[in-house]
Amino acid sequence: MVNIGWKSTAALTLGAIAVVGSAGMAQAQSRSDWLSSGESVTYEGYLFADENVYSACDDNCLDLDIYLYDAVSGDLVASDTLLDAYPIVTAPYEGSFLIEVFMVDCRASTCETWTDSDYGF
């Protein structure tokens, strides 16, 4: 049996925690797209009750909106249409949803957007 000191044990433990932590983050599947003013993109995903879905865009983006639809009924269940570039919606229940990201105002020809959720839809 190899005897290692407490510093080595602590370093190994912290390394294992970092690997496990980064493995968990790697499971999330961020979506990235380029949108012009007036364009939208729709993603389908499974969300848990109270899971947040959020989007953001680059420095050329002035206003980005997000809409959450029930994938089965097509009903709008949540939206964020505030005048900002960081919309967020919360799933009201667990299930399959359509997530529409709408570029309201991009001052360049296109703006890059990123969309994700708490657990990576």
Protein backbone atom coordinates (compact mmCIF):
# COMPACT_ATOMS: atom_id res chain seq x y z
CA MET A 1 0.00 0.00 0.00
CA VAL A 2 1.26 3.46 -0.90
CA ASN A 3 1.20 6.06 1.84
CA ILE A 4 0.57 9.59 0.59
CA GLY A 5 0.39 12.74 2.67
CA TRP A 6 -2.66 14.81 3.41
CA LYS A 7 -1.74 17.43 0.77
CA SER A 8 -1.66 14.79 -1.95
CA THR A 9 -4.94 13.33 -0.72
CA ALA A 10 -6.55 16.79 -0.75
CA ALA A 11 -5.24 17.48 -4.27
CA LEU A 12 -6.60 14.15 -5.54
CA THR A 13 -9.98 14.81 -3.93
CA LEU A 14 -10.24 18.33 -5.38
CA GLY A 15 -9.20 17.00 -8.79
CA ALA A 16 -11.92 14.34 -8.64
CA ILE A 17 -14.50 16.96 -7.67
CA ALA A 18 -13.41 19.18 -10.57
CA VAL A 19 -13.71 16.30 -13.04
CA VAL A 20 -17.15 15.32 -11.75
CA GLY A 21 -18.27 18.96 -11.75
CA SER A 22 -17.10 19.60 -15.29
CA ALA A 23 -18.61 16.33 -16.49
CA GLY A 24 -21.98 17.48 -15.15
CA MET A 25 -21.68 20.83 -16.90
CA ALA A 26 -20.69 19.18 -20.17
CA GLN A 27 -24.04 17.38 -20.25
CA ALA A 28 -25.91 20.64 -20.79
CA GLN A 29 -26.56 21.27 -24.46
CA SER A 30 -26.42 24.98 -25.13
CA ARG A 31 -27.85 26.04 -28.46
CA SER A 32 -26.14 28.75 -30.47
CA ASP A 33 -27.57 30.50 -33.55
CA TRP A 34 -27.24 33.65 -35.64
CA LEU A 35 -30.43 35.69 -36.06
CA SER A 36 -31.31 38.92 -37.85
CA SER A 37 -33.97 41.33 -36.61
CA GLY A 38 -37.38 39.72 -37.07
CA GLU A 39 -36.03 36.15 -37.26
CA SER A 40 -36.61 33.33 -34.80
CA VAL A 41 -35.44 29.81 -34.11
CA THR A 42 -37.40 27.08 -32.34
CA TYR A 43 -35.98 24.23 -30.29
CA GLU A 44 -37.76 21.23 -28.82
CA GLY A 45 -36.81 20.01 -25.37
CA TYR A 46 -37.95 18.15 -22.31
CA LEU A 47 -38.12 20.34 -19.21
CA PHE A 48 -38.75 19.69 -15.54
CA ALA A 49 -41.31 21.67 -13.52
CA ASP A 50 -39.82 25.04 -12.49
CA GLU A 51 -36.82 24.62 -14.83
CA ASN A 52 -35.58 27.94 -16.20
CA VAL A 53 -34.86 28.41 -19.89
CA TYR A 54 -32.75 31.43 -20.67
CA SER A 55 -31.22 33.07 -23.69
CA ALA A 56 -28.63 35.76 -24.32
CA CYS A 57 -27.04 37.44 -27.31
CA ASP A 58 -23.93 39.33 -28.33
CA ASP A 59 -23.18 43.03 -27.90
CA ASN A 60 -25.01 43.97 -31.12
CA CYS A 61 -28.30 42.69 -29.74
CA LEU A 62 -30.70 45.22 -28.30
CA ASP A 63 -33.80 43.08 -27.66
CA LEU A 64 -34.32 39.30 -27.59
CA ASP A 65 -37.55 37.52 -26.61
CA ILE A 66 -38.34 33.93 -25.67
CA TYR A 67 -41.61 32.00 -25.88
CA LEU A 68 -42.38 28.63 -24.31
CA TYR A 69 -45.07 26.44 -25.90
CA ASP A 70 -46.50 23.09 -24.83
CA ALA A 71 -45.19 20.69 -27.51
CA VAL A 72 -48.42 18.63 -27.52
CA SER A 73 -51.13 21.28 -27.45
CA GLY A 74 -49.15 24.15 -28.98
CA ASP A 75 -50.40 26.48 -26.22
CA LEU A 76 -48.18 29.36 -25.12
CA VAL A 77 -47.36 28.67 -21.46
CA ALA A 78 -44.71 31.34 -20.72
CA SER A 79 -42.93 34.25 -22.39
CA ASP A 80 -40.45 37.01 -21.72
CA THR A 81 -40.93 40.00 -24.00
CA LEU A 82 -39.22 42.64 -21.87
CA LEU A 83 -37.00 45.15 -23.67
CA ASP A 84 -33.69 43.41 -22.90
CA ALA A 85 -31.21 40.93 -24.33
CA TYR A 86 -31.50 38.33 -21.53
CA PRO A 87 -34.94 36.70 -21.57
CA ILE A 88 -35.87 33.89 -19.19
CA VAL A 89 -38.96 31.68 -18.84
CA THR A 90 -39.87 28.95 -16.37
CA ALA A 91 -41.56 25.67 -17.26
CA PRO A 92 -44.86 25.48 -15.35
CA TYR A 93 -44.82 21.66 -15.34
CA GLU A 94 -42.70 18.73 -16.51
CA GLY A 95 -42.99 17.76 -20.15
CA SER A 96 -42.03 18.42 -23.76
CA PHE A 97 -41.88 22.03 -24.88
CA LEU A 98 -41.11 24.17 -27.91
CA ILE A 99 -38.76 27.04 -27.13
CA GLU A 100 -38.91 29.93 -29.60
CA VAL A 101 -36.15 32.55 -29.47
CA PHE A 102 -37.11 35.72 -31.36
CA MET A 103 -34.65 38.46 -32.32
CA VAL A 104 -36.56 41.69 -31.93
CA ASP A 105 -33.71 44.12 -32.54
CA CYS A 106 -30.16 43.42 -33.73
CA ARG A 107 -28.12 46.44 -34.83
CA ALA A 108 -25.81 44.26 -37.00
CA SER A 109 -26.87 42.12 -39.96
CA THR A 110 -27.00 39.14 -37.56
CA CYS A 111 -26.50 38.61 -33.84
CA GLU A 112 -25.28 35.46 -32.12
CA THR A 113 -27.67 33.95 -29.58
CA TRP A 114 -27.20 31.31 -26.89
CA THR A 115 -30.06 29.36 -25.33
CA ASP A 116 -29.88 26.88 -22.46
CA SER A 117 -31.77 25.69 -19.41
CA ASP A 118 -31.02 24.72 -15.83
CA TYR A 119 -30.56 21.06 -16.79
CA GLY A 120 -29.73 21.36 -20.49
CA PHE A 121 -32.91 20.63 -22.45
